[in-house]
Protein backbone atom coordinates (compact mmCIF):
# COMPACT_ATOMS: atom_id res chain seq x y z
CA MET A 1 -20.55 -14.67 -23.73
CA VAL A 2 -19.07 -11.21 -23.07
CA ILE A 3 -17.32 -10.80 -19.72
CA ASP A 4 -17.68 -7.39 -18.05
CA GLU A 5 -14.14 -6.69 -16.86
CA SER A 6 -15.22 -3.46 -15.17
CA HIS A 7 -17.32 -5.35 -12.62
CA VAL A 8 -16.16 -7.28 -9.56
CA GLY A 9 -18.52 -10.11 -8.61
CA ALA A 10 -19.84 -11.06 -5.19
CA GLY A 11 -17.50 -14.06 -5.01
CA LYS A 12 -14.38 -11.94 -5.34
CA LEU A 13 -15.69 -9.44 -2.81
CA ALA A 14 -16.43 -12.23 -0.34
CA ALA A 15 -12.92 -13.62 -0.78
CA THR A 16 -11.57 -10.11 -0.19
CA VAL A 17 -13.46 -9.86 3.10
CA VAL A 18 -11.87 -13.12 4.23
CA MET A 19 -8.38 -11.90 3.30
CA LEU A 20 -9.05 -8.52 4.87
CA LEU A 21 -9.71 -10.21 8.19
CA ALA A 22 -7.05 -12.91 7.81
CA TRP A 23 -3.99 -10.63 7.73
CA PRO A 24 -4.59 -8.84 11.06
CA ALA A 25 -5.89 -12.09 12.56
CA LEU A 26 -2.56 -13.72 11.68
CA LEU A 27 -0.69 -10.95 13.47
CA LEU A 28 -2.85 -11.26 16.59
CA VAL A 29 -2.60 -15.05 16.69
CA LEU A 30 1.19 -14.95 16.33
CA GLY A 31 1.35 -12.35 19.09
CA GLY A 32 -0.35 -14.86 21.39
CA ASP A 33 -1.87 -12.25 23.69
CA ALA A 34 -5.55 -11.26 23.44
CA ARG A 35 -4.78 -8.18 25.59
CA TRP A 36 -2.23 -6.77 23.12
CA LEU A 37 -3.70 -3.29 22.70
CA GLU A 38 -1.27 -2.11 20.01
CA GLY A 39 -1.95 -5.22 17.95
CA TRP A 40 -5.69 -4.62 18.12
CA LEU A 41 -5.19 -0.96 17.16
CA PHE A 42 -3.28 -1.96 14.03
CA ALA A 43 -5.86 -4.65 13.21
CA ALA A 44 -8.64 -2.06 13.45
CA TRP A 45 -6.67 0.42 11.32
CA PHE A 46 -6.06 -2.21 8.65
CA VAL A 47 -9.66 -3.41 8.44
CA VAL A 48 -11.19 0.08 8.52
CA LEU A 49 -8.80 1.46 5.89
CA PHE A 50 -9.16 -1.26 3.30
CA SER A 51 -12.88 -1.86 3.85
CA THR A 52 -13.41 1.89 3.41
CA VAL A 53 -11.36 1.96 0.21
CA ILE A 54 -13.06 -1.12 -1.26
CA GLY A 55 -16.51 0.12 -0.29
CA TRP A 56 -15.85 3.53 -1.86
CA LEU A 57 -14.51 2.00 -5.08
CA HIS A 58 -17.41 -0.43 -5.29
CA ARG A 59 -19.87 2.48 -5.17
CA LYS A 60 -17.97 5.24 -6.95
CA ASP A 61 -15.28 3.73 -9.22
CA PRO A 62 -16.00 0.07 -10.10
CA ALA A 63 -13.58 0.22 -13.05
CA LEU A 64 -10.68 0.97 -10.71
CA LEU A 65 -11.84 -1.72 -8.30
CA ALA A 66 -11.75 -4.21 -11.18
CA GLU A 67 -8.27 -2.98 -12.13
CA ARG A 68 -7.08 -3.55 -8.56
CA TYR A 69 -8.01 -7.22 -8.93
CA ARG A 70 -5.81 -7.59 -12.01
CA LYS A 71 -3.01 -10.06 -11.31
CA SER A 72 -1.04 -9.94 -14.56
CA GLY A 73 -1.21 -9.08 -18.24
CA GLY A 74 -2.36 -5.86 -19.85
CA GLY A 75 1.19 -4.88 -20.74
CA GLN A 76 2.72 -5.32 -17.28
CA ARG A 77 6.50 -5.07 -17.47
CA GLY A 78 8.37 -8.31 -16.87
CA TRP A 79 10.62 -6.83 -14.20
CA ASP A 80 7.52 -5.69 -12.31
CA ARG A 81 6.38 -9.28 -11.84
CA VAL A 82 9.55 -9.88 -9.85
CA VAL A 83 9.00 -6.71 -7.82
CA VAL A 84 5.37 -7.60 -7.03
CA ALA A 85 6.44 -11.07 -5.85
CA ALA A 86 9.19 -9.56 -3.68
CA LEU A 87 6.76 -7.08 -2.12
CA PHE A 88 4.22 -9.80 -1.38
CA LEU A 89 6.77 -12.11 0.25
CA GLY A 90 8.30 -9.18 2.12
CA PHE A 91 4.89 -8.12 3.41
CA ILE A 92 4.29 -11.62 4.80
CA ALA A 93 7.72 -11.62 6.48
CA TRP A 94 7.02 -8.16 7.93
CA LEU A 95 3.62 -9.18 9.26
CA VAL A 96 4.95 -12.42 10.80
CA ALA A 97 8.11 -10.95 12.33
CA MET A 98 6.45 -8.10 14.22
CA PRO A 99 4.19 -10.06 16.60
CA LEU A 100 6.87 -12.66 17.25
CA ASP A 101 9.33 -9.89 18.02
CA ALA A 102 7.16 -7.41 19.91
CA ARG A 103 4.81 -9.70 21.84
CA ARG A 104 5.52 -13.42 21.83
CA PHE A 105 9.31 -13.53 22.30
CA HIS A 106 10.06 -9.89 23.22
CA TRP A 107 13.20 -9.67 21.10
CA THR A 108 12.79 -5.88 21.18
CA ARG A 109 12.76 -4.51 24.71
CA GLY A 110 12.24 -1.14 26.31
CA TRP A 111 10.34 0.47 23.43
CA PRO A 112 9.58 4.12 24.36
CA VAL A 113 6.00 5.39 24.46
CA ALA A 114 7.08 8.37 22.34
CA ALA A 115 8.05 6.04 19.50
CA GLN A 116 4.66 4.34 19.67
CA THR A 117 2.96 7.74 19.58
CA VAL A 118 4.94 8.67 16.47
CA GLY A 119 3.95 5.34 14.93
CA GLY A 120 0.29 6.12 15.54
CA GLY A 121 0.71 9.52 13.89
CA LEU A 122 2.38 7.97 10.86
CA LEU A 123 -0.51 5.54 10.51
CA ALA A 124 -3.01 8.40 10.57
CA ALA A 125 -1.09 10.10 7.73
CA SER A 126 -0.81 6.77 5.91
CA PHE A 127 -4.59 6.27 6.10
CA PHE A 128 -5.17 9.68 4.54
CA LEU A 129 -2.67 9.13 1.71
CA PHE A 130 -3.93 5.65 0.88
CA PHE A 131 -7.57 6.73 0.73
CA ARG A 132 -6.97 9.92 -1.21
CA SER A 133 -4.69 8.15 -3.70
CA PHE A 134 -7.59 5.90 -4.67
CA THR A 135 -10.17 8.68 -4.77
CA ASP A 136 -7.91 11.07 -6.71
CA ASN A 137 -6.51 8.65 -9.31
CA THR A 138 -8.83 6.28 -11.18
CA TYR A 139 -5.81 4.69 -12.91
CA LEU A 140 -4.14 3.44 -9.72
CA SER A 141 -3.26 -0.03 -10.99
CA PRO A 142 -1.40 -2.57 -8.83
CA LEU A 143 0.76 -3.29 -11.88
CA VAL A 144 3.27 -1.17 -13.76
CA ARG A 145 1.44 -0.82 -17.07
CA ILE A 146 -0.26 1.74 -19.31
CA GLN A 147 -4.04 1.35 -19.27
CA ALA A 148 -4.66 2.16 -22.91
CA GLU A 149 -8.06 0.45 -22.81
CA ARG A 150 -9.17 2.98 -20.18
CA LYS A 151 -7.59 5.96 -21.98
CA GLN A 152 -5.18 6.63 -19.13
CA HIS A 153 -3.94 10.18 -18.71
CA VAL A 154 -1.80 12.04 -16.19
CA VAL A 155 -3.42 12.83 -12.83
CA SER A 156 -1.92 15.88 -11.14
CA THR A 157 -4.61 17.01 -8.69
CA GLY A 158 -5.30 16.21 -5.04
CA VAL A 159 -2.47 14.36 -3.31
CA TYR A 160 -0.80 13.95 -6.72
CA GLY A 161 -0.01 17.65 -6.53
CA PHE A 162 1.98 16.92 -3.34
CA VAL A 163 4.22 14.05 -4.48
CA ARG A 164 4.15 11.96 -7.64
CA HIS A 165 3.58 8.66 -5.81
CA PRO A 166 1.39 9.36 -2.77
CA MET A 167 0.18 5.76 -2.38
CA TYR A 168 3.78 4.57 -2.13
CA LEU A 169 4.40 7.28 0.46
CA GLY A 170 1.38 5.94 2.38
CA ALA A 171 2.90 2.45 2.19
CA VAL A 172 6.28 3.69 3.47
CA LEU A 173 4.57 5.43 6.40
CA MET A 174 2.77 2.15 7.14
CA PHE A 175 5.97 0.09 6.92
CA VAL A 176 7.60 2.43 9.45
CA GLY A 177 4.59 3.39 11.57
CA VAL A 178 3.33 -0.08 12.37
CA PRO A 179 6.59 -1.44 13.86
CA LEU A 180 6.97 1.80 15.82
CA LEU A 181 3.47 1.37 17.22
CA LEU A 182 3.96 -2.32 17.99
CA GLY A 183 7.56 -1.99 19.21
CA SER A 184 9.45 -4.19 16.75
CA GLU A 185 12.99 -3.55 15.56
CA SER A 186 12.78 -6.45 13.11
CA GLY A 187 9.61 -4.94 11.68
CA LEU A 188 11.46 -1.66 11.16
CA ALA A 189 14.29 -3.46 9.36
CA ILE A 190 11.96 -5.37 7.03
CA GLY A 191 9.82 -2.27 6.52
CA GLY A 192 12.93 -0.32 5.52
CA ALA A 193 13.85 -3.01 3.00
CA LEU A 194 10.32 -2.96 1.55
CA SER A 195 10.52 0.83 1.25
CA LEU A 196 13.72 0.48 -0.79
CA VAL A 197 11.97 -2.00 -3.09
CA LEU A 198 9.18 0.54 -3.59
CA ALA A 199 11.75 3.22 -4.40
CA ALA A 200 13.31 0.96 -7.03
CA ARG A 201 9.86 0.31 -8.49
CA ILE A 202 9.25 4.05 -8.73
CA VAL A 203 12.40 4.48 -10.83
CA GLY A 204 11.30 1.79 -13.28
CA GLU A 205 7.70 2.99 -13.35
CA GLU A 206 8.67 6.58 -14.04
CA ARG A 207 10.98 5.49 -16.86
CA MET A 208 7.99 3.79 -18.51
CA LEU A 209 5.59 6.67 -17.86
CA SER A 210 8.04 9.22 -19.24
CA LYS A 211 8.33 7.27 -22.48
CA GLU A 212 4.72 6.18 -22.95
CA LEU A 213 2.32 8.49 -21.12
CA GLU A 214 1.75 11.86 -22.78
CA GLY A 215 2.23 14.79 -20.43
CA TYR A 216 4.14 12.89 -17.75
CA ASP A 217 7.38 14.81 -18.27
CA ALA A 218 5.50 18.07 -17.83
CA TYR A 219 3.97 16.68 -14.62
CA ARG A 220 7.44 15.78 -13.34
CA GLY A 221 8.46 19.38 -13.89
CA LYS A 222 5.43 20.60 -11.97
CA VAL A 223 5.63 18.16 -9.02
CA ARG A 224 9.32 17.81 -8.23
CA TYR A 225 9.38 15.02 -5.66
CA ARG A 226 8.69 11.36 -6.28
CA LEU A 227 8.14 10.14 -2.73
CA LEU A 228 9.50 12.34 0.07
CA PRO A 229 8.87 16.10 -0.17
CA GLY A 230 12.12 18.01 -0.05
CA VAL A 231 14.21 14.83 -0.25
CA TRP A 232 13.49 12.66 -3.32
């Protein structure tokens, strides 16, 4: 029997729906307050963003959707397995710490409304970068690997003409924006640490792409900044 690896079955999609709802539900339960407006705003942002992305990929780019479900193999670098595990564990710690800090135990006090407004703005920008990264780059694998079987080539249009790693920039804006919106200093600290892990992953990923993906060095010359325009 030949398995179609470019197709994601109904079972996997159903499991994704459960996970999509479970993460924000965990945050709200840990917060312990059904009237926590900021928590509900983040929950809505999370569900709308990722359901929109998955729905778009299911209709328009099923091969990328299948790639996003890849857990290992396909030439993934060994060091990247460690990074992926660190990001996953860090994400859980980030998601757990924020409601305990901001709502249940109030470890962070006196959070200014201006900071929450900035957090909301960062989440709006994060939404845009996440969605456009998926629609602009059909090779957006969750693993550091070259997709030779899909004839991967350099993508330099859309948000990839802005910075070389726009999805990571979207993640950094999320890691900073959410704790600002919710009012959590511990969330900011963990989000900062996760952003540094992403930066380290970029260095390793670009080293691989420079060596193995034709045209990537020329792209680096065209788009100067990896993550933060004008900074790095």
